N, C-alpha and C. Protein backbone atom coordinates (compact mmCIF):
# COMPACT_ATOMS: atom_id res chain seq x y z
N MET A 1 0.84 -1.18 0.00
CA MET A 1 0.00 0.00 0.00
C MET A 1 0.88 1.24 0.00
N SER A 2 0.47 2.24 -0.74
CA SER A 2 1.25 3.47 -0.87
C SER A 2 1.19 4.31 0.40
N ALA A 3 2.28 4.98 0.68
CA ALA A 3 2.33 5.89 1.82
C ALA A 3 1.71 7.24 1.47
N PHE A 4 1.20 7.38 0.22
CA PHE A 4 0.67 8.65 -0.25
C PHE A 4 -0.75 8.48 -0.78
N THR A 5 -1.55 9.52 -0.58
CA THR A 5 -2.86 9.57 -1.21
C THR A 5 -2.87 10.78 -2.13
N VAL A 6 -3.57 10.65 -3.24
CA VAL A 6 -3.69 11.74 -4.20
C VAL A 6 -5.17 12.01 -4.40
N ARG A 7 -5.54 13.27 -4.28
CA ARG A 7 -6.95 13.65 -4.47
C ARG A 7 -7.01 15.07 -5.01
N ALA A 8 -8.18 15.43 -5.47
CA ALA A 8 -8.40 16.78 -6.02
C ALA A 8 -8.19 17.81 -4.92
N LEU A 9 -7.52 18.87 -5.28
CA LEU A 9 -7.30 19.98 -4.36
C LEU A 9 -8.59 20.77 -4.22
N ALA A 10 -9.01 20.99 -3.00
CA ALA A 10 -10.21 21.78 -2.74
C ALA A 10 -9.85 23.27 -2.75
N PRO A 11 -10.82 24.13 -3.08
CA PRO A 11 -10.52 25.57 -3.12
C PRO A 11 -9.94 26.12 -1.81
N ASP A 12 -10.33 25.55 -0.67
CA ASP A 12 -9.80 26.07 0.60
C ASP A 12 -8.38 25.57 0.90
N GLN A 13 -7.80 24.77 0.00
CA GLN A 13 -6.43 24.28 0.17
C GLN A 13 -5.43 24.97 -0.76
N ILE A 14 -5.89 25.94 -1.51
CA ILE A 14 -5.05 26.60 -2.52
C ILE A 14 -3.79 27.20 -1.91
N LEU A 15 -3.94 27.89 -0.79
CA LEU A 15 -2.77 28.53 -0.18
C LEU A 15 -1.77 27.51 0.36
N SER A 16 -2.25 26.35 0.79
CA SER A 16 -1.33 25.36 1.37
C SER A 16 -0.37 24.77 0.35
N VAL A 17 -0.68 24.85 -0.94
CA VAL A 17 0.23 24.30 -1.95
C VAL A 17 1.06 25.37 -2.65
N TYR A 18 0.90 26.62 -2.26
CA TYR A 18 1.70 27.68 -2.89
C TYR A 18 3.20 27.42 -2.74
N PRO A 19 3.71 26.99 -1.59
CA PRO A 19 5.15 26.69 -1.53
C PRO A 19 5.57 25.60 -2.53
N LEU A 20 4.69 24.64 -2.79
CA LEU A 20 5.01 23.61 -3.77
C LEU A 20 5.08 24.18 -5.18
N ILE A 21 4.11 24.98 -5.56
CA ILE A 21 4.10 25.52 -6.92
C ILE A 21 5.31 26.43 -7.13
N ARG A 22 5.76 27.07 -6.05
CA ARG A 22 6.98 27.90 -6.15
C ARG A 22 8.21 27.04 -6.42
N GLU A 23 8.19 25.78 -6.04
CA GLU A 23 9.29 24.87 -6.37
C GLU A 23 9.37 24.68 -7.88
N ALA A 24 8.22 24.57 -8.52
CA ALA A 24 8.18 24.36 -9.97
C ALA A 24 8.31 25.67 -10.73
N MET A 25 7.73 26.74 -10.18
CA MET A 25 7.69 28.03 -10.87
C MET A 25 8.00 29.14 -9.87
N PRO A 26 9.27 29.37 -9.55
CA PRO A 26 9.62 30.34 -8.51
C PRO A 26 9.16 31.76 -8.80
N GLU A 27 8.93 32.08 -10.05
CA GLU A 27 8.54 33.44 -10.41
C GLU A 27 7.05 33.73 -10.21
N ILE A 28 6.26 32.74 -9.88
CA ILE A 28 4.81 32.92 -9.76
C ILE A 28 4.46 33.62 -8.45
N ALA A 29 3.78 34.74 -8.58
CA ALA A 29 3.34 35.50 -7.41
C ALA A 29 2.12 34.82 -6.78
N LEU A 30 1.93 35.05 -5.51
CA LEU A 30 0.80 34.47 -4.79
C LEU A 30 -0.53 34.82 -5.46
N ALA A 31 -0.70 36.08 -5.85
CA ALA A 31 -1.96 36.50 -6.47
C ALA A 31 -2.22 35.76 -7.78
N ALA A 32 -1.18 35.57 -8.58
CA ALA A 32 -1.33 34.84 -9.85
C ALA A 32 -1.71 33.39 -9.59
N TRP A 33 -1.06 32.77 -8.60
CA TRP A 33 -1.38 31.39 -8.26
C TRP A 33 -2.81 31.25 -7.77
N THR A 34 -3.22 32.09 -6.83
CA THR A 34 -4.56 31.95 -6.28
C THR A 34 -5.63 32.21 -7.34
N ASP A 35 -5.38 33.17 -8.24
CA ASP A 35 -6.33 33.43 -9.31
C ASP A 35 -6.48 32.19 -10.21
N TYR A 36 -5.36 31.64 -10.64
CA TYR A 36 -5.39 30.45 -11.49
C TYR A 36 -6.04 29.27 -10.76
N ALA A 37 -5.58 29.00 -9.54
CA ALA A 37 -6.07 27.84 -8.80
C ALA A 37 -7.56 27.96 -8.48
N ARG A 38 -8.04 29.14 -8.17
CA ARG A 38 -9.47 29.31 -7.91
C ARG A 38 -10.30 29.02 -9.16
N ARG A 39 -9.78 29.45 -10.31
CA ARG A 39 -10.51 29.18 -11.56
C ARG A 39 -10.62 27.69 -11.82
N VAL A 40 -9.54 26.96 -11.66
CA VAL A 40 -9.60 25.54 -12.01
C VAL A 40 -10.19 24.66 -10.92
N THR A 41 -10.08 25.05 -9.66
CA THR A 41 -10.68 24.23 -8.60
C THR A 41 -12.14 24.60 -8.37
N GLY A 42 -12.55 25.77 -8.83
CA GLY A 42 -13.93 26.20 -8.62
C GLY A 42 -14.89 25.76 -9.70
N ARG A 43 -14.38 25.15 -10.75
CA ARG A 43 -15.24 24.70 -11.84
C ARG A 43 -16.08 23.51 -11.40
N ARG A 44 -17.30 23.47 -11.88
CA ARG A 44 -18.16 22.31 -11.61
C ARG A 44 -17.76 21.15 -12.51
N SER A 45 -17.21 21.46 -13.66
CA SER A 45 -16.75 20.43 -14.58
C SER A 45 -15.48 19.80 -14.04
N HIS A 46 -15.26 18.55 -14.36
CA HIS A 46 -14.04 17.87 -13.94
C HIS A 46 -13.02 17.87 -15.06
N HIS A 47 -13.15 18.79 -16.01
CA HIS A 47 -12.25 18.83 -17.15
C HIS A 47 -11.01 19.65 -16.89
N ALA A 48 -10.87 20.17 -15.69
CA ALA A 48 -9.66 20.90 -15.28
C ALA A 48 -9.59 20.87 -13.77
N GLY A 49 -8.38 20.93 -13.24
CA GLY A 49 -8.24 20.93 -11.80
C GLY A 49 -6.80 20.78 -11.37
N ILE A 50 -6.64 20.53 -10.09
CA ILE A 50 -5.32 20.33 -9.48
C ILE A 50 -5.42 19.09 -8.62
N MET A 51 -4.52 18.16 -8.85
CA MET A 51 -4.44 16.96 -8.02
C MET A 51 -3.23 17.11 -7.10
N ALA A 52 -3.43 16.80 -5.82
CA ALA A 52 -2.35 16.95 -4.84
C ALA A 52 -2.13 15.64 -4.10
N ALA A 53 -0.88 15.43 -3.70
CA ALA A 53 -0.49 14.23 -2.96
C ALA A 53 -0.18 14.58 -1.52
N TRP A 54 -0.62 13.71 -0.62
CA TRP A 54 -0.34 13.86 0.81
C TRP A 54 0.31 12.57 1.32
N ARG A 55 1.32 12.74 2.14
CA ARG A 55 1.88 11.57 2.85
C ARG A 55 0.88 11.21 3.93
N GLU A 56 0.62 9.91 4.09
CA GLU A 56 -0.32 9.46 5.12
C GLU A 56 0.05 10.05 6.47
N GLY A 57 -0.93 10.60 7.16
CA GLY A 57 -0.72 11.16 8.48
C GLY A 57 -0.21 12.59 8.50
N ARG A 58 0.02 13.18 7.34
CA ARG A 58 0.51 14.56 7.27
C ARG A 58 -0.60 15.48 6.80
N SER A 59 -0.58 16.73 7.27
CA SER A 59 -1.66 17.66 6.92
C SER A 59 -1.33 18.53 5.72
N PHE A 60 -0.05 18.58 5.31
CA PHE A 60 0.30 19.42 4.17
C PHE A 60 0.68 18.55 2.98
N PRO A 61 0.27 18.97 1.78
CA PRO A 61 0.59 18.19 0.58
C PRO A 61 2.09 18.22 0.27
N CYS A 62 2.53 17.18 -0.45
CA CYS A 62 3.94 17.08 -0.80
C CYS A 62 4.14 16.94 -2.31
N GLY A 63 3.09 17.07 -3.08
CA GLY A 63 3.20 16.99 -4.53
C GLY A 63 1.91 17.42 -5.19
N LEU A 64 2.01 17.75 -6.47
CA LEU A 64 0.81 18.14 -7.20
C LEU A 64 1.07 18.15 -8.70
N PHE A 65 -0.02 18.18 -9.46
CA PHE A 65 0.01 18.53 -10.88
C PHE A 65 -1.30 19.21 -11.22
N CYS A 66 -1.25 20.08 -12.21
CA CYS A 66 -2.43 20.76 -12.72
C CYS A 66 -2.84 20.04 -14.01
N TYR A 67 -4.14 19.99 -14.28
CA TYR A 67 -4.58 19.28 -15.48
C TYR A 67 -5.77 19.95 -16.14
N ARG A 68 -5.96 19.58 -17.41
CA ARG A 68 -7.14 19.99 -18.16
C ARG A 68 -7.35 18.95 -19.26
N VAL A 69 -8.56 18.85 -19.76
CA VAL A 69 -8.88 17.95 -20.86
C VAL A 69 -9.04 18.79 -22.11
N ASP A 70 -8.44 18.32 -23.19
CA ASP A 70 -8.53 19.02 -24.47
C ASP A 70 -8.91 18.01 -25.54
N ASN A 71 -9.57 18.47 -26.57
CA ASN A 71 -9.87 17.64 -27.74
C ASN A 71 -8.88 18.00 -28.82
N THR A 72 -8.07 17.02 -29.21
CA THR A 72 -7.03 17.27 -30.20
C THR A 72 -7.37 16.58 -31.51
N LEU A 73 -6.75 17.04 -32.56
CA LEU A 73 -6.99 16.47 -33.88
C LEU A 73 -6.51 15.03 -33.96
N GLY A 74 -5.32 14.75 -33.47
CA GLY A 74 -4.74 13.42 -33.63
C GLY A 74 -5.20 12.39 -32.62
N GLN A 75 -5.45 12.81 -31.38
CA GLN A 75 -5.75 11.86 -30.31
C GLN A 75 -7.18 11.92 -29.78
N GLY A 76 -7.93 12.93 -30.15
CA GLY A 76 -9.26 13.09 -29.54
C GLY A 76 -9.10 13.68 -28.15
N ARG A 77 -9.80 13.09 -27.17
CA ARG A 77 -9.72 13.60 -25.79
C ARG A 77 -8.36 13.27 -25.18
N VAL A 78 -7.67 14.32 -24.74
CA VAL A 78 -6.34 14.16 -24.15
C VAL A 78 -6.32 14.86 -22.79
N LEU A 79 -5.83 14.15 -21.80
CA LEU A 79 -5.59 14.75 -20.49
C LEU A 79 -4.22 15.41 -20.55
N ILE A 80 -4.18 16.71 -20.33
CA ILE A 80 -2.92 17.45 -20.36
C ILE A 80 -2.57 17.83 -18.93
N ALA A 81 -1.40 17.39 -18.49
CA ALA A 81 -0.95 17.65 -17.12
C ALA A 81 0.36 18.41 -17.15
N GLU A 82 0.48 19.38 -16.24
CA GLU A 82 1.71 20.15 -16.16
C GLU A 82 1.91 20.68 -14.74
N HIS A 83 3.01 21.35 -14.54
CA HIS A 83 3.38 21.93 -13.24
C HIS A 83 3.50 20.84 -12.17
N PHE A 84 4.20 19.77 -12.53
CA PHE A 84 4.43 18.67 -11.59
C PHE A 84 5.39 19.11 -10.49
N VAL A 85 5.07 18.73 -9.27
CA VAL A 85 5.96 18.95 -8.13
C VAL A 85 5.87 17.70 -7.25
N ALA A 86 7.02 17.17 -6.85
CA ALA A 86 7.07 16.03 -5.93
C ALA A 86 8.20 16.30 -4.94
N VAL A 87 7.83 16.65 -3.71
CA VAL A 87 8.81 17.01 -2.69
C VAL A 87 8.52 16.21 -1.42
N ASP A 88 9.44 15.33 -1.08
CA ASP A 88 9.32 14.58 0.16
C ASP A 88 10.73 14.17 0.56
N LEU A 89 11.14 14.50 1.75
CA LEU A 89 12.50 14.18 2.20
C LEU A 89 12.76 12.69 2.29
N LEU A 90 11.74 11.93 2.64
CA LEU A 90 11.92 10.50 2.83
C LEU A 90 11.77 9.70 1.53
N ASP A 91 10.87 10.14 0.64
CA ASP A 91 10.57 9.32 -0.53
C ASP A 91 10.06 10.17 -1.70
N PRO A 92 10.91 11.01 -2.31
CA PRO A 92 10.43 11.83 -3.43
C PRO A 92 9.96 11.00 -4.62
N GLN A 93 10.59 9.84 -4.86
CA GLN A 93 10.14 8.98 -5.96
C GLN A 93 8.77 8.40 -5.68
N GLY A 94 8.49 8.13 -4.41
CA GLY A 94 7.17 7.62 -4.03
C GLY A 94 6.07 8.63 -4.29
N VAL A 95 6.34 9.90 -4.02
CA VAL A 95 5.36 10.96 -4.31
C VAL A 95 5.09 11.00 -5.81
N LEU A 96 6.17 11.00 -6.59
CA LEU A 96 6.02 11.05 -8.04
C LEU A 96 5.28 9.83 -8.56
N ALA A 97 5.59 8.65 -8.03
CA ALA A 97 4.90 7.43 -8.46
C ALA A 97 3.41 7.52 -8.17
N ALA A 98 3.05 8.07 -7.01
CA ALA A 98 1.64 8.22 -6.66
C ALA A 98 0.95 9.21 -7.60
N LEU A 99 1.64 10.31 -7.92
CA LEU A 99 1.07 11.30 -8.85
C LEU A 99 0.89 10.70 -10.25
N VAL A 100 1.87 9.96 -10.73
CA VAL A 100 1.80 9.36 -12.07
C VAL A 100 0.69 8.32 -12.11
N ALA A 101 0.55 7.52 -11.07
CA ALA A 101 -0.53 6.53 -11.02
C ALA A 101 -1.89 7.23 -11.08
N GLU A 102 -2.03 8.33 -10.35
CA GLU A 102 -3.28 9.09 -10.37
C GLU A 102 -3.51 9.73 -11.72
N LEU A 103 -2.45 10.16 -12.38
CA LEU A 103 -2.56 10.75 -13.70
C LEU A 103 -3.19 9.76 -14.67
N ASP A 104 -2.70 8.53 -14.66
CA ASP A 104 -3.27 7.50 -15.53
C ASP A 104 -4.71 7.20 -15.16
N ALA A 105 -4.99 7.04 -13.87
CA ALA A 105 -6.35 6.75 -13.42
C ALA A 105 -7.30 7.88 -13.78
N LEU A 106 -6.85 9.12 -13.61
CA LEU A 106 -7.68 10.28 -13.96
C LEU A 106 -7.99 10.30 -15.45
N GLY A 107 -6.99 10.02 -16.27
CA GLY A 107 -7.22 9.95 -17.71
C GLY A 107 -8.29 8.94 -18.07
N HIS A 108 -8.26 7.78 -17.42
CA HIS A 108 -9.29 6.76 -17.67
C HIS A 108 -10.66 7.23 -17.18
N ARG A 109 -10.72 7.82 -15.98
CA ARG A 109 -12.00 8.31 -15.44
C ARG A 109 -12.62 9.38 -16.32
N LEU A 110 -11.77 10.21 -16.94
CA LEU A 110 -12.27 11.31 -17.78
C LEU A 110 -12.44 10.87 -19.24
N ASP A 111 -12.33 9.57 -19.49
CA ASP A 111 -12.54 8.99 -20.81
C ASP A 111 -11.61 9.59 -21.86
N CYS A 112 -10.35 9.75 -21.49
CA CYS A 112 -9.35 10.30 -22.41
C CYS A 112 -8.67 9.17 -23.18
N ASN A 113 -8.21 9.49 -24.36
CA ASN A 113 -7.50 8.54 -25.21
C ASN A 113 -5.99 8.55 -24.96
N ALA A 114 -5.50 9.62 -24.34
CA ALA A 114 -4.06 9.76 -24.11
C ALA A 114 -3.84 10.74 -22.97
N VAL A 115 -2.62 10.69 -22.44
CA VAL A 115 -2.17 11.66 -21.43
C VAL A 115 -0.95 12.37 -21.98
N ARG A 116 -0.99 13.68 -21.98
CA ARG A 116 0.16 14.49 -22.41
C ARG A 116 0.69 15.18 -21.16
N SER A 117 1.93 14.91 -20.83
CA SER A 117 2.56 15.50 -19.65
C SER A 117 3.57 16.55 -20.10
N VAL A 118 3.41 17.74 -19.60
CA VAL A 118 4.31 18.84 -19.93
C VAL A 118 5.20 19.08 -18.72
N VAL A 119 6.51 18.89 -18.93
CA VAL A 119 7.48 19.09 -17.85
C VAL A 119 8.21 20.39 -18.13
N HIS A 120 7.97 21.38 -17.29
CA HIS A 120 8.59 22.70 -17.45
C HIS A 120 9.97 22.71 -16.81
N GLY A 121 10.87 23.44 -17.41
CA GLY A 121 12.18 23.67 -16.80
C GLY A 121 13.12 22.48 -16.82
N GLY A 122 12.82 21.48 -17.59
CA GLY A 122 13.74 20.35 -17.71
C GLY A 122 13.98 19.61 -16.42
N GLU A 123 12.96 19.41 -15.61
CA GLU A 123 13.09 18.68 -14.36
C GLU A 123 13.40 17.21 -14.65
N PRO A 124 14.67 16.80 -14.50
CA PRO A 124 15.02 15.42 -14.88
C PRO A 124 14.33 14.35 -14.04
N ALA A 125 14.13 14.58 -12.76
CA ALA A 125 13.48 13.56 -11.92
C ALA A 125 12.02 13.37 -12.33
N ILE A 126 11.32 14.48 -12.62
CA ILE A 126 9.93 14.39 -13.06
C ILE A 126 9.86 13.69 -14.41
N ALA A 127 10.66 14.15 -15.36
CA ALA A 127 10.66 13.55 -16.70
C ALA A 127 11.02 12.08 -16.62
N GLY A 128 12.01 11.73 -15.81
CA GLY A 128 12.42 10.34 -15.66
C GLY A 128 11.32 9.46 -15.09
N GLY A 129 10.59 9.99 -14.12
CA GLY A 129 9.47 9.24 -13.55
C GLY A 129 8.35 9.01 -14.55
N LEU A 130 8.10 10.01 -15.38
CA LEU A 130 7.07 9.86 -16.41
C LEU A 130 7.50 8.88 -17.49
N VAL A 131 8.76 8.95 -17.91
CA VAL A 131 9.27 8.01 -18.91
C VAL A 131 9.21 6.58 -18.36
N ALA A 132 9.58 6.41 -17.10
CA ALA A 132 9.53 5.08 -16.49
C ALA A 132 8.11 4.52 -16.46
N ALA A 133 7.12 5.41 -16.45
CA ALA A 133 5.71 4.99 -16.43
C ALA A 133 5.13 4.85 -17.84
N GLY A 134 5.98 4.96 -18.87
CA GLY A 134 5.51 4.72 -20.23
C GLY A 134 5.26 5.95 -21.08
N HIS A 135 5.53 7.14 -20.54
CA HIS A 135 5.37 8.36 -21.33
C HIS A 135 6.58 8.48 -22.27
N THR A 136 6.32 8.91 -23.50
CA THR A 136 7.40 9.06 -24.48
C THR A 136 7.40 10.47 -25.03
N PRO A 137 8.57 10.96 -25.45
CA PRO A 137 8.60 12.29 -26.07
C PRO A 137 7.68 12.33 -27.29
N GLU A 138 6.91 13.41 -27.39
CA GLU A 138 5.95 13.54 -28.47
C GLU A 138 6.27 14.70 -29.39
N ALA A 139 6.68 15.81 -28.83
CA ALA A 139 6.89 17.03 -29.61
C ALA A 139 7.77 17.97 -28.81
N SER A 140 8.16 19.06 -29.43
CA SER A 140 8.85 20.13 -28.72
C SER A 140 7.87 21.27 -28.54
N LEU A 141 7.83 21.83 -27.36
CA LEU A 141 7.00 22.99 -27.10
C LEU A 141 7.88 24.22 -27.11
N LEU A 142 7.46 25.23 -27.83
CA LEU A 142 8.17 26.50 -27.87
C LEU A 142 7.22 27.59 -27.40
N LEU A 143 7.75 28.59 -26.76
CA LEU A 143 6.92 29.67 -26.22
C LEU A 143 7.54 31.01 -26.55
N LYS A 144 6.71 31.92 -26.98
CA LYS A 144 7.14 33.31 -27.18
C LYS A 144 6.20 34.18 -26.35
N SER A 145 6.75 34.92 -25.44
CA SER A 145 5.94 35.78 -24.58
C SER A 145 5.39 36.95 -25.39
N LEU A 146 4.13 37.22 -25.20
CA LEU A 146 3.48 38.36 -25.85
C LEU A 146 3.10 39.43 -24.82
N ALA A 147 3.70 39.36 -23.66
CA ALA A 147 3.39 40.32 -22.60
C ALA A 147 3.63 41.75 -23.05
N ALA A 148 4.72 41.99 -23.77
CA ALA A 148 5.02 43.33 -24.26
C ALA A 148 3.94 43.78 -25.25
N ASN A 149 3.48 42.86 -26.09
CA ASN A 149 2.42 43.19 -27.05
C ASN A 149 1.12 43.54 -26.33
N ALA A 150 0.83 42.83 -25.26
CA ALA A 150 -0.39 43.11 -24.50
C ALA A 150 -0.33 44.50 -23.88
N ALA A 151 0.84 44.89 -23.38
CA ALA A 151 1.00 46.23 -22.80
C ALA A 151 0.79 47.31 -23.86
N VAL A 152 1.32 47.10 -25.05
CA VAL A 152 1.14 48.06 -26.15
C VAL A 152 -0.35 48.16 -26.52
N ARG A 153 -1.03 47.02 -26.59
CA ARG A 153 -2.47 47.05 -26.92
C ARG A 153 -3.26 47.82 -25.87
N ARG A 154 -2.90 47.65 -24.59
CA ARG A 154 -3.60 48.39 -23.53
C ARG A 154 -3.35 49.88 -23.67
N GLN A 155 -2.12 50.27 -24.00
CA GLN A 155 -1.81 51.69 -24.18
C GLN A 155 -2.61 52.29 -25.34
N HIS A 156 -2.68 51.57 -26.45
CA HIS A 156 -3.42 52.05 -27.62
C HIS A 156 -4.92 52.14 -27.28
N ALA A 157 -5.44 51.17 -26.57
CA ALA A 157 -6.85 51.19 -26.21
C ALA A 157 -7.16 52.36 -25.30
N ALA A 158 -6.23 52.69 -24.40
CA ALA A 158 -6.44 53.81 -23.48
C ALA A 158 -6.44 55.15 -24.21
N ARG A 159 -5.73 55.25 -25.35
CA ARG A 159 -5.66 56.50 -26.10
C ARG A 159 -6.83 56.70 -27.06
N ARG A 160 -7.56 55.62 -27.36
CA ARG A 160 -8.68 55.74 -28.31
C ARG A 160 -9.80 56.55 -27.68
N PRO A 161 -10.41 57.42 -28.49
CA PRO A 161 -11.56 58.16 -27.97
C PRO A 161 -12.76 57.24 -27.81
N ALA A 162 -13.56 57.49 -26.80
CA ALA A 162 -14.77 56.69 -26.58
C ALA A 162 -15.79 57.01 -27.65
N HIS A 163 -16.51 56.03 -28.10
CA HIS A 163 -17.55 56.22 -29.14
C HIS A 163 -18.86 56.57 -28.55
């Protein structure tokens, strides 16, 4: 039996996992995290959310991933998971194994044809755990920030006369 349980993060637990998400994304501000997490944990649909892992007998989570379901051209329904974090002093691989097992189970429960795992920042332990569970490289993801473009659009919109 696993020393970890994995379950959906409730909206009132959002702040308790902020230190974990900072492990994966140190640049994320508390306000940005709470806004995102409230949106995905507050949905009535189960097509997006946050799954968190707890060591048995502990009150604070030690791992998580965020997920959403998408309909893709090649695979149909795909469970997309990202922002993996697995932190446990005694058994970090155990946390990751519990998260990966839940990832597969969640994909089946949501009637998905595939699971796409996005590992940000080249986390070798996370990627290695996913590969060991049967995940294979599929594509390269590239990102170009448009934050500067958004600021320019806001400036132009502010200068336009009201109709």
